[in-house]
Amino acid sequence: MREQSNETESTVVRATQTACPTNTPCAAARHGEWNLGVYDLDVVQMRLYVNGTRAATEAFTTPWLAVGEVSLGGTYHGGKLISPLKGAMDVRLHDRAVSDDEVRQLFLQPPVVKSRWKSETASTATPPVTPDAGPAGAGLTLNKGATLGEPWVDGGLTLDGVDDYAATATGVAPVDTGASFTVSAFAHTAGVPTCEAALLSAPGAVKDAFSLRYVPSDTPDSDGGRWRIGTSSADTATAESAQVKNGQFYGPGTGRTWPWSTTASPES
């Protein structure tokens, strides 16, 4: 939306997504969607995009230069915050009008890496910390004797299978597990695990927001076992759980690396 002028009685011009007809499912606005607004001076037009698709267009013929601040999470007028937002956002400003094709590419572009642990170096603290190469800066503390091992891919983290583990600081989770996210890892074992082994997890007070485990087979000579990703609907003892398994990979006895990646979304 834009004001026709910087006057008190100015008329507001809005480009608004069409509402759903009564009792009819459609792509109405929902939480967690990607929105983009464009003003194109060449065609004096405002455009609204939702999840990469143009949702509304409106003519706007009286552009004017704003002299106030850019506000996130609400609009600020007369010393008051109006229409405050409760939630999280990722905001970007572009210095020109983008086309329909560019909007689709912005929506589909590769994800932004929040954290990446290369396990190439560690601090001299006790216990040591290997740094996070991503913008979250969530270093991994090497607990119970976990060490940096022989490099492969970038570096390497070596665990003894008894009590070694690495973890971010308490309460520091680089991604919002209540929204969409992707995690990936490479794992290589010294032998075939005889019991469940956890590779990655994000624990809550009672339940894991997600966990990735290797589940061994009853017939390891013919079946390499399963990777299993598990999630919980809430951090409560009675929360519902969902699991997905995959057994189509080279087993630990082959001496090959296990690559793993998953994407989670609260709407899936």
C-alpha atoms as a PDB file:
ATOM      1  CA  MET A   1       0.000   0.000   0.000  1.00  0.00           C
ATOM      2  CA  ARG A   2       1.058   3.601  -0.627  1.00  0.00           C
ATOM      3  CA  GLU A   3      -0.258   7.025   0.292  1.00  0.00           C
ATOM      4  CA  GLN A   4      -1.089   9.365  -2.601  1.00  0.00           C
ATOM      5  CA  SER A   5       0.855  12.150  -0.859  1.00  0.00           C
ATOM      6  CA  ASN A   6       2.548  13.109   2.399  1.00  0.00           C
ATOM      7  CA  GLU A   7      -0.559  14.954   3.596  1.00  0.00           C
ATOM      8  CA  THR A   8      -2.755  14.111   6.576  1.00  0.00           C
ATOM      9  CA  GLU A   9      -5.862  13.517   4.424  1.00  0.00           C
ATOM     10  CA  SER A  10      -4.027  11.543   1.732  1.00  0.00           C
ATOM     11  CA  THR A  11      -5.814   8.670  -0.038  1.00  0.00           C
ATOM     12  CA  VAL A  12      -4.360   5.174   0.427  1.00  0.00           C
ATOM     13  CA  VAL A  13      -3.835   2.944  -2.620  1.00  0.00           C
ATOM     14  CA  ARG A  14      -3.600  -0.795  -1.959  1.00  0.00           C
ATOM     15  CA  ALA A  15      -2.695  -3.900  -3.955  1.00  0.00           C
ATOM     16  CA  THR A  16      -4.477  -6.676  -2.067  1.00  0.00           C
ATOM     17  CA  GLN A  17      -4.553 -10.413  -2.562  1.00  0.00           C
ATOM     18  CA  THR A  18      -8.047 -11.659  -3.440  1.00  0.00           C
ATOM     19  CA  ALA A  19      -9.852 -13.251  -0.499  1.00  0.00           C
ATOM     20  CA  CYS A  20     -11.099 -16.828  -0.682  1.00  0.00           C
ATOM     21  CA  PRO A  21     -14.813 -17.259  -1.485  1.00  0.00           C
ATOM     22  CA  THR A  22     -16.835 -18.698   1.374  1.00  0.00           C
ATOM     23  CA  ASN A  23     -16.255 -22.435   1.907  1.00  0.00           C
ATOM     24  CA  THR A  24     -13.828 -22.574  -1.028  1.00  0.00           C
ATOM     25  CA  PRO A  25     -10.167 -23.610  -0.623  1.00  0.00           C
ATOM     26  CA  CYS A  26      -7.684 -21.306  -2.347  1.00  0.00           C
ATOM     27  CA  ALA A  27      -4.208 -19.830  -1.948  1.00  0.00           C
ATOM     28  CA  ALA A  28      -5.174 -17.279   0.692  1.00  0.00           C
ATOM     29  CA  ALA A  29      -2.635 -15.588   2.920  1.00  0.00           C
ATOM     30  CA  ARG A  30      -1.198 -17.871   5.609  1.00  0.00           C
ATOM     31  CA  HIS A  31       1.565 -17.573   8.159  1.00  0.00           C
ATOM     32  CA  GLY A  32       5.048 -18.394   6.932  1.00  0.00           C
ATOM     33  CA  GLU A  33       4.564 -17.311   3.305  1.00  0.00           C
ATOM     34  CA  TRP A  34       7.015 -15.335   1.173  1.00  0.00           C
ATOM     35  CA  ASN A  35       5.730 -11.927   0.102  1.00  0.00           C
ATOM     36  CA  LEU A  36       7.207  -9.273  -2.178  1.00  0.00           C
ATOM     37  CA  GLY A  37       5.940  -5.827  -3.136  1.00  0.00           C
ATOM     38  CA  VAL A  38       7.131  -3.930  -6.227  1.00  0.00           C
ATOM     39  CA  TYR A  39       6.586  -0.361  -7.413  1.00  0.00           C
ATOM     40  CA  ASP A  40       7.373   0.025 -11.127  1.00  0.00           C
ATOM     41  CA  LEU A  41       7.746   3.701 -12.047  1.00  0.00           C
ATOM     42  CA  ASP A  42       7.900   2.987 -15.776  1.00  0.00           C
ATOM     43  CA  VAL A  43       4.346   1.633 -15.782  1.00  0.00           C
ATOM     44  CA  VAL A  44       3.220   3.535 -12.604  1.00  0.00           C
ATOM     45  CA  GLN A  45       2.079   0.288 -11.021  1.00  0.00           C
ATOM     46  CA  MET A  46       2.254  -1.519  -7.669  1.00  0.00           C
ATOM     47  CA  ARG A  47       2.504  -5.308  -7.744  1.00  0.00           C
ATOM     48  CA  LEU A  48       2.090  -7.826  -4.923  1.00  0.00           C
ATOM     49  CA  TYR A  49       3.622 -11.325  -5.119  1.00  0.00           C
ATOM     50  CA  VAL A  50       2.914 -14.271  -2.803  1.00  0.00           C
ATOM     51  CA  ASN A  51       5.252 -17.279  -2.921  1.00  0.00           C
ATOM     52  CA  GLY A  52       6.703 -16.158  -6.264  1.00  0.00           C
ATOM     53  CA  THR A  53       3.355 -15.609  -8.031  1.00  0.00           C
ATOM     54  CA  ARG A  54       1.758 -12.245  -8.807  1.00  0.00           C
ATOM     55  CA  ALA A  55      -1.280 -11.910  -6.534  1.00  0.00           C
ATOM     56  CA  ALA A  56      -2.450  -8.319  -7.160  1.00  0.00           C
ATOM     57  CA  THR A  57      -1.779  -5.238  -9.304  1.00  0.00           C
ATOM     58  CA  GLU A  58      -2.842  -1.626  -8.744  1.00  0.00           C
ATOM     59  CA  ALA A  59      -2.083   1.647 -10.555  1.00  0.00           C
ATOM     60  CA  PHE A  60      -0.206   4.297  -8.567  1.00  0.00           C
ATOM     61  CA  THR A  61       0.483   7.548 -10.402  1.00  0.00           C
ATOM     62  CA  THR A  62       1.775   9.897  -7.664  1.00  0.00           C
ATOM     63  CA  PRO A  63       5.097   8.583  -6.308  1.00  0.00           C
ATOM     64  CA  TRP A  64       6.872  10.812  -3.775  1.00  0.00           C
ATOM     65  CA  LEU A  65      10.119  10.727  -1.812  1.00  0.00           C
ATOM     66  CA  ALA A  66       9.886   9.535   1.801  1.00  0.00           C
ATOM     67  CA  VAL A  67      12.131  11.288   4.344  1.00  0.00           C
ATOM     68  CA  GLY A  68      11.409   9.102   7.403  1.00  0.00           C
ATOM     69  CA  GLU A  69      12.970   5.845   8.563  1.00  0.00           C
ATOM     70  CA  VAL A  70      12.283   2.362   7.217  1.00  0.00           C
ATOM     71  CA  SER A  71      10.365   0.429   9.891  1.00  0.00           C
ATOM     72  CA  LEU A  72      10.242  -3.340  10.301  1.00  0.00           C
ATOM     73  CA  GLY A  73       7.517  -5.030  12.335  1.00  0.00           C
ATOM     74  CA  GLY A  74       4.985  -2.207  12.048  1.00  0.00           C
ATOM     75  CA  THR A  75       4.543   1.341  10.794  1.00  0.00           C
ATOM     76  CA  TYR A  76       5.551   4.327  12.896  1.00  0.00           C
ATOM     77  CA  HIS A  77       3.405   7.496  12.864  1.00  0.00           C
ATOM     78  CA  GLY A  78       3.166  10.405  15.259  1.00  0.00           C
ATOM     79  CA  GLY A  79       5.454   8.764  17.804  1.00  0.00           C
ATOM     80  CA  LYS A  80       3.363   5.576  17.866  1.00  0.00           C
ATOM     81  CA  LEU A  81       3.923   2.087  16.503  1.00  0.00           C
ATOM     82  CA  ILE A  82       0.857   1.033  14.492  1.00  0.00           C
ATOM     83  CA  SER A  83      -0.069  -2.543  13.460  1.00  0.00           C
ATOM     84  CA  PRO A  84       2.812  -4.275  15.300  1.00  0.00           C
ATOM     85  CA  LEU A  85       3.874  -7.732  14.158  1.00  0.00           C
ATOM     86  CA  LYS A  86       4.565 -10.623  16.515  1.00  0.00           C
ATOM     87  CA  GLY A  87       6.800 -13.157  14.777  1.00  0.00           C
ATOM     88  CA  ALA A  88      10.002 -13.479  12.723  1.00  0.00           C
ATOM     89  CA  MET A  89      10.909 -12.087   9.307  1.00  0.00           C
ATOM     90  CA  ASP A  90      13.686 -11.900   6.717  1.00  0.00           C
ATOM     91  CA  VAL A  91      13.554  -8.573   4.849  1.00  0.00           C
ATOM     92  CA  ARG A  92      15.369  -7.410   1.696  1.00  0.00           C
ATOM     93  CA  LEU A  93      15.183  -4.124  -0.251  1.00  0.00           C
ATOM     94  CA  HIS A  94      16.024  -3.832  -3.968  1.00  0.00           C
ATOM     95  CA  ASP A  95      16.917  -0.557  -5.716  1.00  0.00           C
ATOM     96  CA  ARG A  96      14.828  -1.232  -8.837  1.00  0.00           C
ATOM     97  CA  ALA A  97      11.629  -2.916  -9.938  1.00  0.00           C
ATOM     98  CA  VAL A  98      12.035  -6.670 -10.452  1.00  0.00           C
ATOM     99  CA  SER A  99      10.187  -8.620 -13.135  1.00  0.00           C
ATOM    100  CA  ASP A 100       7.838 -11.578 -12.735  1.00  0.00           C
ATOM    101  CA  ASP A 101      10.635 -13.976 -13.786  1.00  0.00           C
ATOM    102  CA  GLU A 102      13.076 -12.452 -11.302  1.00  0.00           C
ATOM    103  CA  VAL A 103      10.503 -12.782  -8.500  1.00  0.00           C
ATOM    104  CA  ARG A 104      10.117 -16.483  -9.250  1.00  0.00           C
ATOM    105  CA  GLN A 105      13.902 -16.903  -9.145  1.00  0.00           C
ATOM    106  CA  LEU A 106      14.145 -15.027  -5.838  1.00  0.00           C
ATOM    107  CA  PHE A 107      11.523 -17.348  -4.375  1.00  0.00           C
ATOM    108  CA  LEU A 108      13.231 -20.490  -5.693  1.00  0.00           C
ATOM    109  CA  GLN A 109      16.828 -19.435  -5.071  1.00  0.00           C
ATOM    110  CA  PRO A 110      19.174 -21.691  -3.044  1.00  0.00           C
ATOM    111  CA  PRO A 111      18.667 -21.563   0.730  1.00  0.00           C
ATOM    112  CA  VAL A 112      20.828 -19.381   2.960  1.00  0.00           C
ATOM    113  CA  VAL A 113      23.262 -21.398   5.068  1.00  0.00           C
ATOM    114  CA  LYS A 114      22.732 -20.616   8.756  1.00  0.00           C
ATOM    115  CA  SER A 115      25.468 -22.845  10.197  1.00  0.00           C
ATOM    116  CA  ARG A 116      28.265 -25.002   8.841  1.00  0.00           C
ATOM    117  CA  TRP A 117      30.664 -26.957  11.005  1.00  0.00           C
ATOM    118  CA  LYS A 118      33.797 -27.894   9.048  1.00  0.00           C
ATOM    119  CA  SER A 119      35.574 -29.414  12.081  1.00  0.00           C
ATOM    120  CA  GLU A 120      38.959 -28.228  10.806  1.00  0.00           C
ATOM    121  CA  THR A 121      40.148 -26.337  13.902  1.00  0.00           C
ATOM    122  CA  ALA A 122      39.264 -26.115  17.586  1.00  0.00           C
ATOM    123  CA  SER A 123      39.950 -23.673  20.401  1.00  0.00           C
ATOM    124  CA  THR A 124      42.294 -24.335  23.312  1.00  0.00           C
ATOM    125  CA  ALA A 125      39.453 -24.050  25.834  1.00  0.00           C
ATOM    126  CA  THR A 126      38.403 -26.946  28.081  1.00  0.00           C
ATOM    127  CA  PRO A 127      36.403 -28.503  26.540  1.00  0.00           C
ATOM    128  CA  PRO A 128      37.479 -27.233  23.079  1.00  0.00           C
ATOM    129  CA  VAL A 129      35.074 -25.588  20.618  1.00  0.00           C
ATOM    130  CA  THR A 130      35.121 -25.994  16.825  1.00  0.00           C
ATOM    131  CA  PRO A 131      33.773 -22.836  15.138  1.00  0.00           C
ATOM    132  CA  ASP A 132      30.638 -22.349  13.086  1.00  0.00           C
ATOM    133  CA  ALA A 133      31.564 -21.063   9.601  1.00  0.00           C
ATOM    134  CA  GLY A 134      28.019 -19.749   9.063  1.00  0.00           C
ATOM    135  CA  PRO A 135      26.404 -16.468  10.150  1.00  0.00           C
ATOM    136  CA  ALA A 136      24.775 -18.013  13.245  1.00  0.00           C
ATOM    137  CA  GLY A 137      28.193 -18.337  14.888  1.00  0.00           C
ATOM    138  CA  ALA A 138      27.039 -21.340  16.958  1.00  0.00           C
ATOM    139  CA  GLY A 139      30.274 -23.141  17.773  1.00  0.00           C
ATOM    140  CA  LEU A 140      30.217 -26.833  18.688  1.00  0.00           C
ATOM    141  CA  THR A 141      31.678 -27.791  22.062  1.00  0.00           C
ATOM    142  CA  LEU A 142      33.588 -31.102  21.882  1.00  0.00           C
ATOM    143  CA  ASN A 143      32.378 -32.944  24.961  1.00  0.00           C
ATOM    144  CA  LYS A 144      33.608 -36.069  26.796  1.00  0.00           C
ATOM    145  CA  GLY A 145      36.753 -36.413  24.697  1.00  0.00           C
ATOM    146  CA  ALA A 146      35.339 -35.773  21.194  1.00  0.00           C
ATOM    147  CA  THR A 147      38.200 -34.752  18.893  1.00  0.00           C
ATOM    148  CA  LEU A 148      38.956 -33.483  15.420  1.00  0.00           C
ATOM    149  CA  GLY A 149      39.957 -36.488  13.352  1.00  0.00           C
ATOM    150  CA  GLU A 150      41.452 -37.175   9.933  1.00  0.00           C
ATOM    151  CA  PRO A 151      40.131 -34.609   7.411  1.00  0.00           C
ATOM    152  CA  TRP A 152      37.643 -35.689   4.749  1.00  0.00           C
ATOM    153  CA  VAL A 153      35.158 -33.430   2.927  1.00  0.00           C
ATOM    154  CA  ASP A 154      36.487 -30.418   4.947  1.00  0.00           C
ATOM    155  CA  GLY A 155      37.539 -31.552   8.393  1.00  0.00           C
ATOM    156  CA  GLY A 156      36.358 -34.416  10.549  1.00  0.00           C
ATOM    157  CA  LEU A 157      34.800 -35.039  13.963  1.00  0.00           C
ATOM    158  CA  THR A 158      35.792 -38.290  15.717  1.00  0.00           C
ATOM    159  CA  LEU A 159      33.542 -39.871  18.380  1.00  0.00           C
ATOM    160  CA  ASP A 160      34.207 -43.038  20.412  1.00  0.00           C
ATOM    161  CA  GLY A 161      30.650 -44.421  20.405  1.00  0.00           C
ATOM    162  CA  VAL A 162      30.599 -44.462  24.222  1.00  0.00           C
ATOM    163  CA  ASP A 163      30.029 -40.955  25.571  1.00  0.00           C
ATOM    164  CA  ASP A 164      31.631 -38.499  23.104  1.00  0.00           C
ATOM    165  CA  TYR A 165      29.386 -35.858  21.554  1.00  0.00           C
ATOM    166  CA  ALA A 166      29.452 -32.303  20.192  1.00  0.00           C
ATOM    167  CA  ALA A 167      26.769 -29.687  20.855  1.00  0.00           C
ATOM    168  CA  THR A 168      26.028 -25.994  20.558  1.00  0.00           C
ATOM    169  CA  ALA A 169      25.628 -23.971  23.731  1.00  0.00           C
ATOM    170  CA  THR A 170      22.476 -24.613  25.780  1.00  0.00           C
ATOM    171  CA  GLY A 171      19.492 -22.925  24.172  1.00  0.00           C
ATOM    172  CA  VAL A 172      21.361 -22.106  20.933  1.00  0.00           C
ATOM    173  CA  ALA A 173      19.628 -23.648  17.910  1.00  0.00           C
ATOM    174  CA  PRO A 174      20.790 -22.120  14.582  1.00  0.00           C
ATOM    175  CA  VAL A 175      17.463 -22.855  12.846  1.00  0.00           C
ATOM    176  CA  ASP A 176      13.850 -22.363  13.893  1.00  0.00           C
ATOM    177  CA  THR A 177      12.540 -25.929  14.136  1.00  0.00           C
ATOM    178  CA  GLY A 178       8.986 -24.551  14.176  1.00  0.00           C
ATOM    179  CA  ALA A 179       9.483 -23.388  10.570  1.00  0.00           C
ATOM    180  CA  SER A 180      10.962 -24.967   7.416  1.00  0.00           C
ATOM    181  CA  PHE A 181      14.631 -25.968   7.529  1.00  0.00           C
ATOM    182  CA  THR A 182      17.178 -28.328   5.977  1.00  0.00           C
ATOM    183  CA  VAL A 183      20.038 -30.166   7.660  1.00  0.00           C
ATOM    184  CA  SER A 184      22.720 -32.321   6.022  1.00  0.00           C
ATOM    185  CA  ALA A 185      25.700 -34.366   7.150  1.00  0.00           C
ATOM    186  CA  PHE A 186      28.213 -37.053   6.140  1.00  0.00           C
ATOM    187  CA  ALA A 187      28.852 -40.001   8.446  1.00  0.00           C
ATOM    188  CA  HIS A 188      31.314 -42.896   8.360  1.00  0.00           C
ATOM    189  CA  THR A 189      31.412 -45.610  11.013  1.00  0.00           C
ATOM    190  CA  ALA A 190      34.256 -47.852  12.131  1.00  0.00           C
ATOM    191  CA  GLY A 191      31.956 -50.863  11.815  1.00  0.00           C
ATOM    192  CA  VAL A 192      28.312 -51.885  11.656  1.00  0.00           C
ATOM    193  CA  PRO A 193      26.457 -50.417  14.669  1.00  0.00           C
ATOM    194  CA  THR A 194      24.711 -53.097  16.708  1.00  0.00           C
ATOM    195  CA  CYS A 195      22.194 -50.705  18.259  1.00  0.00           C
ATOM    196  CA  GLU A 196      20.543 -47.406  17.309  1.00  0.00           C
ATOM    197  CA  ALA A 197      23.033 -44.580  16.802  1.00  0.00           C
ATOM    198  CA  ALA A 198      22.041 -40.899  16.716  1.00  0.00           C
ATOM    199  CA  LEU A 199      23.767 -38.668  14.148  1.00  0.00           C
ATOM    200  CA  LEU A 200      21.893 -35.384  14.633  1.00  0.00           C
ATOM    201  CA  SER A 201      19.199 -34.147  16.984  1.00  0.00           C
ATOM    202  CA  ALA A 202      17.599 -30.966  18.300  1.00  0.00           C
ATOM    203  CA  PRO A 203      16.225 -31.834  21.757  1.00  0.00           C
ATOM    204  CA  GLY A 204      13.571 -29.954  23.670  1.00  0.00           C
ATOM    205  CA  ALA A 205      12.721 -30.362  27.349  1.00  0.00           C
ATOM    206  CA  VAL A 206      10.828 -33.624  26.728  1.00  0.00           C
ATOM    207  CA  LYS A 207      10.914 -34.455  23.009  1.00  0.00           C
ATOM    208  CA  ASP A 208      13.300 -33.972  20.096  1.00  0.00           C
ATOM    209  CA  ALA A 209      12.188 -31.393  17.538  1.00  0.00           C
ATOM    210  CA  PHE A 210      13.953 -33.720  15.105  1.00  0.00           C
ATOM    211  CA  SER A 211      16.443 -36.549  15.331  1.00  0.00           C
ATOM    212  CA  LEU A 212      18.288 -38.645  12.778  1.00  0.00           C
ATOM    213  CA  ARG A 213      19.230 -42.193  13.780  1.00  0.00           C
ATOM    214  CA  TYR A 214      20.739 -45.272  12.231  1.00  0.00           C
ATOM    215  CA  VAL A 215      18.596 -48.326  12.972  1.00  0.00           C
ATOM    216  CA  PRO A 216      20.414 -51.657  12.511  1.00  0.00           C
ATOM    217  CA  SER A 217      18.950 -54.612  10.677  1.00  0.00           C
ATOM    218  CA  ASP A 218      18.223 -58.060  12.100  1.00  0.00           C
ATOM    219  CA  THR A 219      20.018 -59.464   9.026  1.00  0.00           C
ATOM    220  CA  PRO A 220      23.068 -57.198   8.538  1.00  0.00           C
ATOM    221  CA  ASP A 221      24.667 -59.479   5.909  1.00  0.00           C
ATOM    222  CA  SER A 222      21.803 -58.823   3.479  1.00  0.00           C
ATOM    223  CA  ASP A 223      20.265 -55.617   4.810  1.00  0.00           C
ATOM    224  CA  GLY A 224      22.277 -52.490   5.605  1.00  0.00           C
ATOM    225  CA  GLY A 225      19.768 -51.116   8.085  1.00  0.00           C
ATOM    226  CA  ARG A 226      17.836 -47.872   7.951  1.00  0.00           C
ATOM    227  CA  TRP A 227      18.242 -44.149   8.387  1.00  0.00           C
ATOM    228  CA  ARG A 228      15.275 -42.790  10.312  1.00  0.00           C
ATOM    229  CA  ILE A 229      14.250 -39.152  10.717  1.00  0.00           C
ATOM    230  CA  GLY A 230      11.791 -38.523  13.540  1.00  0.00           C
ATOM    231  CA  THR A 231       9.881 -35.417  14.583  1.00  0.00           C
ATOM    232  CA  SER A 232       7.390 -34.519  17.313  1.00  0.00           C
ATOM    233  CA  SER A 233       4.374 -32.242  17.007  1.00  0.00           C
ATOM    234  CA  ALA A 234       5.141 -30.542  20.350  1.00  0.00           C
ATOM    235  CA  ASP A 235       7.584 -30.648  23.262  1.00  0.00           C
ATOM    236  CA  THR A 236       5.267 -32.666  25.508  1.00  0.00           C
ATOM    237  CA  ALA A 237       5.208 -36.277  26.707  1.00  0.00           C
ATOM    238  CA  THR A 238       1.933 -36.978  24.875  1.00  0.00           C
ATOM    239  CA  ALA A 239       2.913 -35.275  21.585  1.00  0.00           C
ATOM    240  CA  GLU A 240       2.385 -37.173  18.350  1.00  0.00           C
ATOM    241  CA  SER A 241       5.498 -38.375  16.523  1.00  0.00           C
ATOM    242  CA  ALA A 242       6.174 -38.934  12.839  1.00  0.00           C
ATOM    243  CA  GLN A 243       8.973 -41.006  11.290  1.00  0.00           C
ATOM    244  CA  VAL A 244      10.375 -41.561   7.813  1.00  0.00           C
ATOM    245  CA  LYS A 245      12.862 -44.345   7.036  1.00  0.00           C
ATOM    246  CA  ASN A 246      15.231 -44.982   4.132  1.00  0.00           C
ATOM    247  CA  GLY A 247      17.272 -48.125   3.506  1.00  0.00           C
ATOM    248  CA  GLN A 248      18.587 -47.324   0.022  1.00  0.00           C
ATOM    249  CA  PHE A 249      22.228 -46.516   0.800  1.00  0.00           C
ATOM    250  CA  TYR A 250      25.601 -48.207   1.038  1.00  0.00           C
ATOM    251  CA  GLY A 251      25.812 -49.934   4.395  1.00  0.00           C
ATOM    252  CA  PRO A 252      28.529 -49.198   6.967  1.00  0.00           C
ATOM    253  CA  GLY A 253      30.321 -52.425   6.105  1.00  0.00           C
ATOM    254  CA  THR A 254      31.162 -51.176   2.584  1.00  0.00           C
ATOM    255  CA  GLY A 255      33.653 -48.577   3.812  1.00  0.00           C
ATOM    256  CA  ARG A 256      31.721 -45.822   2.024  1.00  0.00           C
ATOM    257  CA  THR A 257      30.577 -42.477   3.347  1.00  0.00           C
ATOM    258  CA  TRP A 258      26.890 -42.031   4.174  1.00  0.00           C
ATOM    259  CA  PRO A 259      25.614 -38.669   2.925  1.00  0.00           C
ATOM    260  CA  TRP A 260      22.350 -37.524   4.462  1.00  0.00           C
ATOM    261  CA  SER A 261      20.062 -34.534   4.047  1.00  0.00           C
ATOM    262  CA  THR A 262      16.492 -33.717   4.990  1.00  0.00           C
ATOM    263  CA  THR A 263      14.102 -30.808   4.616  1.00  0.00           C
ATOM    264  CA  ALA A 264      11.351 -30.202   7.172  1.00  0.00           C
ATOM    265  CA  SER A 265       8.361 -27.917   6.891  1.00  0.00           C
ATOM    266  CA  PRO A 266       5.603 -27.242   9.439  1.00  0.00           C
ATOM    267  CA  GLU A 267       3.037 -27.585   6.620  1.00  0.00           C
ATOM    268  CA  SER A 268       4.262 -30.994   5.390  1.00  0.00           C
END
